[in-house]
């Protein structure tokens, strides 16, 4: 069995859900993903219930890009908890496209990879909006504010930031199990005030404020009172920001890195809930050229 190509990416969390206002932003987190393109079936059976990787192949071909000859198989290694709103689909699709680039010696700029990733996610039915913001975070780190109605990935970028410093913040993920069903865009209509507050915060450079306001909007759209209570518990236990990510049900919490007692208190609080797992991670900051942000 030969490895034809390999690609890597990472997961992330929501700062602004794109279904709320037509603008989205996701922050990159240290949740690595690696995808390999193989010429034979791997020993470990691939689980891809939504057919996302098949959609990647179709969208790659639709872009008139070359495929390796012969049968193709995939291997995925991911630390992104799936179906919890932590951008696993964007991460896998981006890494798979990078693997195809490696296998065919095709050079694409990041915006082209994001465009193909968005097309694949829409085709597979794993995204309401194309998740351009998720794919940008998966490939470049930090966050970008995206207009989902723009003509393409590059022209849709309105703002960008390195994100909160990974040295200053601990990130806790409260994992509540797989998402049972995906909400409809109409579910977000009645909670636009919260999403508007998140957008205003992003425009003012207050990304952690945006995370909290966005989470309130998502909790309302999902009608998830348990999620609302568990998010509020974070502030009671010393968190500076907390909110549900994506379309849930995972909750993302930011706590000052300088205070280990707060991190320990938060971890112990959530670990007592049945069926809940707590995962510690960190931000992946974008790297800009000098003078650029």
C-alpha atoms as a PDB file:
ATOM      1  CA  UNK A   1       0.000   0.000   0.000  1.00  0.00           C
ATOM      2  CA  UNK A   2       1.476   3.342  -1.072  1.00  0.00           C
ATOM      3  CA  UNK A   3       0.672   6.792   0.273  1.00  0.00           C
ATOM      4  CA  UNK A   4      -0.054   8.921  -2.766  1.00  0.00           C
ATOM      5  CA  UNK A   5      -0.392  12.159  -0.835  1.00  0.00           C
ATOM      6  CA  UNK A   6      -1.078  13.562   2.640  1.00  0.00           C
ATOM      7  CA  UNK A   7      -2.574  16.754   4.023  1.00  0.00           C
ATOM      8  CA  UNK A   8      -3.117  18.254   7.457  1.00  0.00           C
ATOM      9  CA  UNK A   9      -5.452  20.802   9.028  1.00  0.00           C
ATOM     10  CA  UNK A  10      -7.148  21.566  12.352  1.00  0.00           C
ATOM     11  CA  UNK A  11     -10.530  22.033  13.958  1.00  0.00           C
ATOM     12  CA  UNK A  12     -11.956  25.178  15.496  1.00  0.00           C
ATOM     13  CA  UNK A  13     -14.844  26.890  17.246  1.00  0.00           C
ATOM     14  CA  UNK A  14     -17.455  29.458  16.292  1.00  0.00           C
ATOM     15  CA  UNK A  15     -17.203  33.166  16.996  1.00  0.00           C
ATOM     16  CA  UNK A  16     -20.196  33.931  14.761  1.00  0.00           C
ATOM     17  CA  UNK A  17     -22.497  31.323  13.240  1.00  0.00           C
ATOM     18  CA  UNK A  18     -22.929  32.125   9.556  1.00  0.00           C
ATOM     19  CA  UNK A  19     -26.608  31.121   9.581  1.00  0.00           C
ATOM     20  CA  UNK A  20     -27.454  33.978  11.930  1.00  0.00           C
ATOM     21  CA  UNK A  21     -26.770  37.010   9.744  1.00  0.00           C
ATOM     22  CA  UNK A  22     -24.962  35.754   6.651  1.00  0.00           C
ATOM     23  CA  UNK A  23     -21.592  36.557   8.208  1.00  0.00           C
ATOM     24  CA  UNK A  24     -19.436  33.918   9.881  1.00  0.00           C
ATOM     25  CA  UNK A  25     -16.194  33.614  11.826  1.00  0.00           C
ATOM     26  CA  UNK A  26     -14.428  30.579  13.269  1.00  0.00           C
ATOM     27  CA  UNK A  27     -11.326  30.437  15.438  1.00  0.00           C
ATOM     28  CA  UNK A  28      -8.650  27.778  14.866  1.00  0.00           C
ATOM     29  CA  UNK A  29      -7.986  25.343  17.728  1.00  0.00           C
ATOM     30  CA  UNK A  30      -5.223  22.808  18.270  1.00  0.00           C
ATOM     31  CA  UNK A  31      -7.287  19.811  17.170  1.00  0.00           C
ATOM     32  CA  UNK A  32      -5.137  18.241  14.444  1.00  0.00           C
ATOM     33  CA  UNK A  33      -6.388  16.276  11.444  1.00  0.00           C
ATOM     34  CA  UNK A  34      -4.330  14.288   8.942  1.00  0.00           C
ATOM     35  CA  UNK A  35      -5.739  12.745   5.776  1.00  0.00           C
ATOM     36  CA  UNK A  36      -3.822  10.366   3.504  1.00  0.00           C
ATOM     37  CA  UNK A  37      -4.710   9.352  -0.045  1.00  0.00           C
ATOM     38  CA  UNK A  38      -3.866   5.681  -0.675  1.00  0.00           C
ATOM     39  CA  UNK A  39      -3.767   3.280  -3.603  1.00  0.00           C
ATOM     40  CA  UNK A  40      -5.231   0.413  -1.545  1.00  0.00           C
ATOM     41  CA  UNK A  41      -7.822   0.062   1.160  1.00  0.00           C
ATOM     42  CA  UNK A  42      -6.389   0.688   4.670  1.00  0.00           C
ATOM     43  CA  UNK A  43      -6.645  -1.918   7.424  1.00  0.00           C
ATOM     44  CA  UNK A  44      -8.835   0.355   9.523  1.00  0.00           C
ATOM     45  CA  UNK A  45     -12.240   0.830   7.963  1.00  0.00           C
ATOM     46  CA  UNK A  46     -12.976   4.443   7.127  1.00  0.00           C
ATOM     47  CA  UNK A  47     -16.120   5.908   8.699  1.00  0.00           C
ATOM     48  CA  UNK A  48     -17.572   8.641   6.494  1.00  0.00           C
ATOM     49  CA  UNK A  49     -21.348   8.486   7.008  1.00  0.00           C
ATOM     50  CA  UNK A  50     -22.069  11.681   5.071  1.00  0.00           C
ATOM     51  CA  UNK A  51     -19.941  10.791   2.051  1.00  0.00           C
ATOM     52  CA  UNK A  52     -17.833  13.923   2.547  1.00  0.00           C
ATOM     53  CA  UNK A  53     -14.680  12.455   0.989  1.00  0.00           C
ATOM     54  CA  UNK A  54     -16.594  11.281  -2.071  1.00  0.00           C
ATOM     55  CA  UNK A  55     -17.897  14.839  -2.358  1.00  0.00           C
ATOM     56  CA  UNK A  56     -14.330  16.150  -2.154  1.00  0.00           C
ATOM     57  CA  UNK A  57     -13.367  13.947  -5.127  1.00  0.00           C
ATOM     58  CA  UNK A  58     -16.417  15.115  -7.112  1.00  0.00           C
ATOM     59  CA  UNK A  59     -15.748  18.795  -6.398  1.00  0.00           C
ATOM     60  CA  UNK A  60     -12.068  18.361  -7.225  1.00  0.00           C
ATOM     61  CA  UNK A  61     -13.047  16.925 -10.624  1.00  0.00           C
ATOM     62  CA  UNK A  62     -15.649  19.669 -11.119  1.00  0.00           C
ATOM     63  CA  UNK A  63     -12.810  22.162 -10.756  1.00  0.00           C
ATOM     64  CA  UNK A  64     -11.070  20.421 -13.710  1.00  0.00           C
ATOM     65  CA  UNK A  65      -8.204  19.244 -11.519  1.00  0.00           C
ATOM     66  CA  UNK A  66      -6.307  15.981 -12.179  1.00  0.00           C
ATOM     67  CA  UNK A  67      -6.764  12.779 -10.208  1.00  0.00           C
ATOM     68  CA  UNK A  68      -4.173  10.027  -9.713  1.00  0.00           C
ATOM     69  CA  UNK A  69      -4.759   6.966 -11.858  1.00  0.00           C
ATOM     70  CA  UNK A  70      -6.326   3.814 -10.426  1.00  0.00           C
ATOM     71  CA  UNK A  71      -8.551   3.232  -7.401  1.00  0.00           C
ATOM     72  CA  UNK A  72      -8.288   5.734  -4.565  1.00  0.00           C
ATOM     73  CA  UNK A  73      -8.781   5.221  -0.837  1.00  0.00           C
ATOM     74  CA  UNK A  74      -8.634   7.457   2.208  1.00  0.00           C
ATOM     75  CA  UNK A  75      -7.199   7.250   5.690  1.00  0.00           C
ATOM     76  CA  UNK A  76      -8.218   9.852   8.283  1.00  0.00           C
ATOM     77  CA  UNK A  77      -6.616  10.535  11.654  1.00  0.00           C
ATOM     78  CA  UNK A  78      -8.509  13.206  13.552  1.00  0.00           C
ATOM     79  CA  UNK A  79      -8.517  14.643  17.059  1.00  0.00           C
ATOM     80  CA  UNK A  80     -11.595  16.746  16.308  1.00  0.00           C
ATOM     81  CA  UNK A  81     -14.642  15.314  18.108  1.00  0.00           C
ATOM     82  CA  UNK A  82     -17.128  14.723  15.257  1.00  0.00           C
ATOM     83  CA  UNK A  83     -20.671  16.071  15.051  1.00  0.00           C
ATOM     84  CA  UNK A  84     -20.203  18.457  17.979  1.00  0.00           C
ATOM     85  CA  UNK A  85     -19.773  21.803  16.235  1.00  0.00           C
ATOM     86  CA  UNK A  86     -15.961  21.800  16.319  1.00  0.00           C
ATOM     87  CA  UNK A  87     -15.456  22.000  12.557  1.00  0.00           C
ATOM     88  CA  UNK A  88     -14.545  18.375  11.867  1.00  0.00           C
ATOM     89  CA  UNK A  89     -16.061  18.414   8.366  1.00  0.00           C
ATOM     90  CA  UNK A  90     -14.154  21.519   7.287  1.00  0.00           C
ATOM     91  CA  UNK A  91     -10.931  20.129   8.738  1.00  0.00           C
ATOM     92  CA  UNK A  92     -11.279  16.767   6.977  1.00  0.00           C
ATOM     93  CA  UNK A  93     -12.226  18.312   3.639  1.00  0.00           C
ATOM     94  CA  UNK A  94      -9.329  20.798   3.746  1.00  0.00           C
ATOM     95  CA  UNK A  95      -6.824  18.071   4.650  1.00  0.00           C
ATOM     96  CA  UNK A  96      -8.200  15.806   1.903  1.00  0.00           C
ATOM     97  CA  UNK A  97      -7.850  18.554  -0.711  1.00  0.00           C
ATOM     98  CA  UNK A  98      -4.264  19.151   0.420  1.00  0.00           C
ATOM     99  CA  UNK A  99      -3.627  15.410   0.079  1.00  0.00           C
ATOM    100  CA  UNK A 100      -4.935  15.549  -3.495  1.00  0.00           C
ATOM    101  CA  UNK A 101      -2.637  18.502  -4.186  1.00  0.00           C
ATOM    102  CA  UNK A 102       0.285  16.481  -2.837  1.00  0.00           C
ATOM    103  CA  UNK A 103      -0.633  13.388  -4.860  1.00  0.00           C
ATOM    104  CA  UNK A 104      -0.980  15.262  -8.157  1.00  0.00           C
ATOM    105  CA  UNK A 105       1.655  17.980  -7.665  1.00  0.00           C
ATOM    106  CA  UNK A 106      -1.120  20.551  -7.994  1.00  0.00           C
ATOM    107  CA  UNK A 107      -0.492  23.995  -6.544  1.00  0.00           C
ATOM    108  CA  UNK A 108      -3.550  25.786  -5.170  1.00  0.00           C
ATOM    109  CA  UNK A 109      -3.676  28.959  -3.105  1.00  0.00           C
ATOM    110  CA  UNK A 110      -5.551  28.721   0.171  1.00  0.00           C
ATOM    111  CA  UNK A 111      -8.628  30.510  -1.141  1.00  0.00           C
ATOM    112  CA  UNK A 112      -8.994  27.872  -3.886  1.00  0.00           C
ATOM    113  CA  UNK A 113      -8.793  25.106  -1.288  1.00  0.00           C
ATOM    114  CA  UNK A 114     -11.471  26.869   0.765  1.00  0.00           C
ATOM    115  CA  UNK A 115     -13.745  27.149  -2.288  1.00  0.00           C
ATOM    116  CA  UNK A 116     -13.484  23.416  -3.023  1.00  0.00           C
ATOM    117  CA  UNK A 117     -13.966  22.576   0.657  1.00  0.00           C
ATOM    118  CA  UNK A 118     -17.135  24.686   0.809  1.00  0.00           C
ATOM    119  CA  UNK A 119     -18.530  23.048  -2.331  1.00  0.00           C
ATOM    120  CA  UNK A 120     -17.829  19.576  -0.913  1.00  0.00           C
ATOM    121  CA  UNK A 121     -19.478  20.330   2.432  1.00  0.00           C
ATOM    122  CA  UNK A 122     -22.592  21.691   0.761  1.00  0.00           C
ATOM    123  CA  UNK A 123     -22.743  18.691  -1.568  1.00  0.00           C
ATOM    124  CA  UNK A 124     -22.426  16.262   1.356  1.00  0.00           C
ATOM    125  CA  UNK A 125     -25.076  18.126   3.354  1.00  0.00           C
ATOM    126  CA  UNK A 126     -22.806  18.689   6.361  1.00  0.00           C
ATOM    127  CA  UNK A 127     -23.009  22.494   6.249  1.00  0.00           C
ATOM    128  CA  UNK A 128     -25.842  25.002   6.045  1.00  0.00           C
ATOM    129  CA  UNK A 129     -23.718  27.745   4.506  1.00  0.00           C
ATOM    130  CA  UNK A 130     -20.567  26.174   3.034  1.00  0.00           C
ATOM    131  CA  UNK A 131     -18.552  26.867   6.203  1.00  0.00           C
ATOM    132  CA  UNK A 132     -16.064  29.163   4.493  1.00  0.00           C
ATOM    133  CA  UNK A 133     -15.057  30.547   7.884  1.00  0.00           C
ATOM    134  CA  UNK A 134     -14.415  27.041   9.244  1.00  0.00           C
ATOM    135  CA  UNK A 135     -12.210  26.114   6.289  1.00  0.00           C
ATOM    136  CA  UNK A 136     -10.185  29.323   6.547  1.00  0.00           C
ATOM    137  CA  UNK A 137      -9.523  28.562  10.231  1.00  0.00           C
ATOM    138  CA  UNK A 138      -8.597  24.977   9.357  1.00  0.00           C
ATOM    139  CA  UNK A 139      -5.933  26.070   6.908  1.00  0.00           C
ATOM    140  CA  UNK A 140      -4.529  29.372   8.206  1.00  0.00           C
ATOM    141  CA  UNK A 141      -5.212  29.688  11.944  1.00  0.00           C
ATOM    142  CA  UNK A 142      -6.689  32.704  13.723  1.00  0.00           C
ATOM    143  CA  UNK A 143     -10.070  33.839  12.438  1.00  0.00           C
ATOM    144  CA  UNK A 144     -11.583  35.580   9.436  1.00  0.00           C
ATOM    145  CA  UNK A 145     -14.942  37.327   9.282  1.00  0.00           C
ATOM    146  CA  UNK A 146     -16.637  36.031   6.126  1.00  0.00           C
ATOM    147  CA  UNK A 147     -19.526  37.223   3.980  1.00  0.00           C
ATOM    148  CA  UNK A 148     -21.088  33.935   2.904  1.00  0.00           C
ATOM    149  CA  UNK A 149     -22.836  35.599  -0.058  1.00  0.00           C
ATOM    150  CA  UNK A 150     -19.589  36.740  -1.675  1.00  0.00           C
ATOM    151  CA  UNK A 151     -18.628  35.409  -5.090  1.00  0.00           C
ATOM    152  CA  UNK A 152     -15.725  33.324  -3.788  1.00  0.00           C
ATOM    153  CA  UNK A 153     -13.656  32.615  -0.680  1.00  0.00           C
ATOM    154  CA  UNK A 154     -11.096  35.364  -1.232  1.00  0.00           C
ATOM    155  CA  UNK A 155     -13.557  38.193  -1.880  1.00  0.00           C
ATOM    156  CA  UNK A 156     -15.647  37.098   1.105  1.00  0.00           C
ATOM    157  CA  UNK A 157     -12.972  37.974   3.670  1.00  0.00           C
ATOM    158  CA  UNK A 158     -14.009  41.159   5.508  1.00  0.00           C
ATOM    159  CA  UNK A 159     -11.749  41.097   8.571  1.00  0.00           C
ATOM    160  CA  UNK A 160      -9.039  38.833   9.912  1.00  0.00           C
ATOM    161  CA  UNK A 161      -7.159  38.418  13.166  1.00  0.00           C
ATOM    162  CA  UNK A 162      -4.477  36.281  14.741  1.00  0.00           C
ATOM    163  CA  UNK A 163      -7.006  35.421  17.460  1.00  0.00           C
ATOM    164  CA  UNK A 164      -6.569  35.472  21.254  1.00  0.00           C
ATOM    165  CA  UNK A 165      -2.988  34.671  22.204  1.00  0.00           C
ATOM    166  CA  UNK A 166      -2.437  30.953  22.784  1.00  0.00           C
ATOM    167  CA  UNK A 167      -0.030  31.886  25.588  1.00  0.00           C
ATOM    168  CA  UNK A 168      -2.652  33.889  27.471  1.00  0.00           C
ATOM    169  CA  UNK A 169      -5.636  31.534  27.359  1.00  0.00           C
ATOM    170  CA  UNK A 170      -6.554  27.985  28.211  1.00  0.00           C
ATOM    171  CA  UNK A 171      -9.393  26.515  26.164  1.00  0.00           C
ATOM    172  CA  UNK A 172     -11.706  23.853  27.585  1.00  0.00           C
ATOM    173  CA  UNK A 173     -14.101  21.909  25.380  1.00  0.00           C
ATOM    174  CA  UNK A 174     -17.151  20.490  27.115  1.00  0.00           C
ATOM    175  CA  UNK A 175     -18.131  17.538  24.937  1.00  0.00           C
ATOM    176  CA  UNK A 176     -21.765  16.529  25.314  1.00  0.00           C
ATOM    177  CA  UNK A 177     -21.976  13.741  22.734  1.00  0.00           C
ATOM    178  CA  UNK A 178     -22.812  13.682  19.044  1.00  0.00           C
ATOM    179  CA  UNK A 179     -25.287  16.192  17.646  1.00  0.00           C
ATOM    180  CA  UNK A 180     -28.631  14.426  17.256  1.00  0.00           C
ATOM    181  CA  UNK A 181     -29.933  16.595  14.420  1.00  0.00           C
ATOM    182  CA  UNK A 182     -28.809  19.610  12.440  1.00  0.00           C
ATOM    183  CA  UNK A 183     -30.900  22.797  12.795  1.00  0.00           C
ATOM    184  CA  UNK A 184     -32.469  24.619   9.861  1.00  0.00           C
ATOM    185  CA  UNK A 185     -31.445  28.145   8.885  1.00  0.00           C
ATOM    186  CA  UNK A 186     -34.902  29.397   9.892  1.00  0.00           C
ATOM    187  CA  UNK A 187     -34.178  28.350  13.486  1.00  0.00           C
ATOM    188  CA  UNK A 188     -31.661  31.195  13.735  1.00  0.00           C
ATOM    189  CA  UNK A 189     -34.030  33.938  12.554  1.00  0.00           C
ATOM    190  CA  UNK A 190     -35.495  34.770  15.953  1.00  0.00           C
ATOM    191  CA  UNK A 191     -32.118  35.225  17.642  1.00  0.00           C
ATOM    192  CA  UNK A 192     -30.549  37.836  15.387  1.00  0.00           C
ATOM    193  CA  UNK A 193     -30.027  40.276  18.254  1.00  0.00           C
ATOM    194  CA  UNK A 194     -27.452  37.979  19.854  1.00  0.00           C
ATOM    195  CA  UNK A 195     -25.702  37.374  16.533  1.00  0.00           C
ATOM    196  CA  UNK A 196     -25.692  41.133  15.866  1.00  0.00           C
ATOM    197  CA  UNK A 197     -23.955  41.658  19.208  1.00  0.00           C
ATOM    198  CA  UNK A 198     -21.377  39.032  18.209  1.00  0.00           C
ATOM    199  CA  UNK A 199     -20.781  40.741  14.865  1.00  0.00           C
ATOM    200  CA  UNK A 200     -20.335  44.137  16.546  1.00  0.00           C
ATOM    201  CA  UNK A 201     -17.852  42.602  18.978  1.00  0.00           C
ATOM    202  CA  UNK A 202     -15.797  41.111  16.138  1.00  0.00           C
ATOM    203  CA  UNK A 203     -15.748  44.424  14.307  1.00  0.00           C
ATOM    204  CA  UNK A 204     -14.367  45.949  17.498  1.00  0.00           C
ATOM    205  CA  UNK A 205     -11.690  43.276  17.863  1.00  0.00           C
ATOM    206  CA  UNK A 206     -13.374  41.645  20.873  1.00  0.00           C
ATOM    207  CA  UNK A 207     -13.354  38.033  19.708  1.00  0.00           C
ATOM    208  CA  UNK A 208     -14.045  36.427  23.087  1.00  0.00           C
ATOM    209  CA  UNK A 209     -17.060  38.684  23.615  1.00  0.00           C
ATOM    210  CA  UNK A 210     -18.249  37.526  20.200  1.00  0.00           C
ATOM    211  CA  UNK A 211     -17.852  33.876  21.214  1.00  0.00           C
ATOM    212  CA  UNK A 212     -20.125  34.425  24.219  1.00  0.00           C
ATOM    213  CA  UNK A 213     -22.835  36.356  22.359  1.00  0.00           C
ATOM    214  CA  UNK A 214     -22.801  33.886  19.478  1.00  0.00           C
ATOM    215  CA  UNK A 215     -23.200  31.020  21.935  1.00  0.00           C
ATOM    216  CA  UNK A 216     -26.303  32.650  23.370  1.00  0.00           C
ATOM    217  CA  UNK A 217     -27.797  32.918  19.913  1.00  0.00           C
ATOM    218  CA  UNK A 218     -27.009  29.285  19.077  1.00  0.00           C
ATOM    219  CA  UNK A 219     -28.469  28.028  22.365  1.00  0.00           C
ATOM    220  CA  UNK A 220     -31.657  29.902  21.553  1.00  0.00           C
ATOM    221  CA  UNK A 221     -31.792  28.599  17.988  1.00  0.00           C
ATOM    222  CA  UNK A 222     -31.349  25.028  19.240  1.00  0.00           C
ATOM    223  CA  UNK A 223     -33.772  25.499  22.146  1.00  0.00           C
ATOM    224  CA  UNK A 224     -31.189  23.896  24.446  1.00  0.00           C
ATOM    225  CA  UNK A 225     -31.856  24.907  28.079  1.00  0.00           C
ATOM    226  CA  UNK A 226     -29.244  22.444  29.370  1.00  0.00           C
ATOM    227  CA  UNK A 227     -26.672  24.057  27.115  1.00  0.00           C
ATOM    228  CA  UNK A 228     -27.647  27.497  28.421  1.00  0.00           C
ATOM    229  CA  UNK A 229     -27.253  26.410  32.039  1.00  0.00           C
ATOM    230  CA  UNK A 230     -23.945  24.681  31.409  1.00  0.00           C
ATOM    231  CA  UNK A 231     -22.608  27.758  29.610  1.00  0.00           C
ATOM    232  CA  UNK A 232     -23.631  30.005  32.504  1.00  0.00           C
ATOM    233  CA  UNK A 233     -21.891  27.606  34.906  1.00  0.00           C
ATOM    234  CA  UNK A 234     -18.596  28.482  33.226  1.00  0.00           C
ATOM    235  CA  UNK A 235     -18.805  32.124  34.307  1.00  0.00           C
ATOM    236  CA  UNK A 236     -19.745  31.168  37.845  1.00  0.00           C
ATOM    237  CA  UNK A 237     -16.561  29.080  37.955  1.00  0.00           C
ATOM    238  CA  UNK A 238     -14.245  31.811  36.703  1.00  0.00           C
ATOM    239  CA  UNK A 239     -14.336  31.636  32.886  1.00  0.00           C
ATOM    240  CA  UNK A 240     -13.876  34.848  30.887  1.00  0.00           C
ATOM    241  CA  UNK A 241     -15.805  33.616  27.827  1.00  0.00           C
ATOM    242  CA  UNK A 242     -18.030  30.635  27.024  1.00  0.00           C
ATOM    243  CA  UNK A 243     -20.397  29.662  24.267  1.00  0.00           C
ATOM    244  CA  UNK A 244     -21.768  26.816  22.242  1.00  0.00           C
ATOM    245  CA  UNK A 245     -19.834  26.187  19.024  1.00  0.00           C
ATOM    246  CA  UNK A 246     -21.169  25.549  15.551  1.00  0.00           C
ATOM    247  CA  UNK A 247     -24.602  23.985  15.734  1.00  0.00           C
ATOM    248  CA  UNK A 248     -23.683  22.353  19.042  1.00  0.00           C
ATOM    249  CA  UNK A 249     -23.695  20.672  21.344  1.00  0.00           C
ATOM    250  CA  UNK A 250     -20.057  21.279  22.431  1.00  0.00           C
ATOM    251  CA  UNK A 251     -19.377  24.274  24.684  1.00  0.00           C
ATOM    252  CA  UNK A 252     -16.097  26.191  24.348  1.00  0.00           C
ATOM    253  CA  UNK A 253     -14.676  27.925  27.423  1.00  0.00           C
ATOM    254  CA  UNK A 254     -11.799  30.398  27.737  1.00  0.00           C
ATOM    255  CA  UNK A 255      -9.966  30.789  31.033  1.00  0.00           C
ATOM    256  CA  UNK A 256      -6.824  32.825  31.813  1.00  0.00           C
ATOM    257  CA  UNK A 257      -3.703  30.703  31.404  1.00  0.00           C
ATOM    258  CA  UNK A 258      -2.142  32.441  34.389  1.00  0.00           C
ATOM    259  CA  UNK A 259      -4.689  30.876  36.788  1.00  0.00           C
ATOM    260  CA  UNK A 260      -4.419  27.096  37.113  1.00  0.00           C
ATOM    261  CA  UNK A 261      -7.025  26.957  39.937  1.00  0.00           C
ATOM    262  CA  UNK A 262      -9.700  28.300  37.572  1.00  0.00           C
ATOM    263  CA  UNK A 263      -8.865  25.653  34.982  1.00  0.00           C
ATOM    264  CA  UNK A 264      -8.967  22.892  37.598  1.00  0.00           C
ATOM    265  CA  UNK A 265     -12.256  24.172  39.036  1.00  0.00           C
ATOM    266  CA  UNK A 266     -13.876  24.290  35.616  1.00  0.00           C
ATOM    267  CA  UNK A 267     -12.647  20.796  34.709  1.00  0.00           C
ATOM    268  CA  UNK A 268     -13.935  19.269  37.939  1.00  0.00           C
ATOM    269  CA  UNK A 269     -17.299  20.996  37.590  1.00  0.00           C
ATOM    270  CA  UNK A 270     -18.074  19.609  34.142  1.00  0.00           C
ATOM    271  CA  UNK A 271     -16.591  16.166  34.697  1.00  0.00           C
ATOM    272  CA  UNK A 272     -19.337  15.457  37.239  1.00  0.00           C
ATOM    273  CA  UNK A 273     -22.028  15.533  34.515  1.00  0.00           C
ATOM    274  CA  UNK A 274     -23.048  12.143  33.105  1.00  0.00           C
ATOM    275  CA  UNK A 275     -21.939  11.561  29.534  1.00  0.00           C
ATOM    276  CA  UNK A 276     -19.778  14.690  29.450  1.00  0.00           C
ATOM    277  CA  UNK A 277     -16.075  14.729  28.596  1.00  0.00           C
ATOM    278  CA  UNK A 278     -13.727  17.679  29.065  1.00  0.00           C
ATOM    279  CA  UNK A 279     -10.860  18.281  26.648  1.00  0.00           C
ATOM    280  CA  UNK A 280      -8.152  20.914  27.075  1.00  0.00           C
ATOM    281  CA  UNK A 281      -6.711  22.557  23.979  1.00  0.00           C
ATOM    282  CA  UNK A 282      -5.394  25.926  22.789  1.00  0.00           C
ATOM    283  CA  UNK A 283      -5.764  28.521  20.053  1.00  0.00           C
ATOM    284  CA  UNK A 284      -3.749  28.285  16.847  1.00  0.00           C
ATOM    285  CA  UNK A 285      -2.787  31.873  16.099  1.00  0.00           C
ATOM    286  CA  UNK A 286      -2.509  32.999  12.504  1.00  0.00           C
ATOM    287  CA  UNK A 287       0.893  34.218  11.345  1.00  0.00           C
ATOM    288  CA  UNK A 288       0.805  37.481   9.412  1.00  0.00           C
ATOM    289  CA  UNK A 289       3.541  39.262   7.556  1.00  0.00           C
ATOM    290  CA  UNK A 290       5.005  42.229   9.448  1.00  0.00           C
ATOM    291  CA  UNK A 291       2.578  45.122   9.454  1.00  0.00           C
ATOM    292  CA  UNK A 292      -0.367  42.967   8.339  1.00  0.00           C
ATOM    293  CA  UNK A 293      -3.470  42.087  10.319  1.00  0.00           C
END
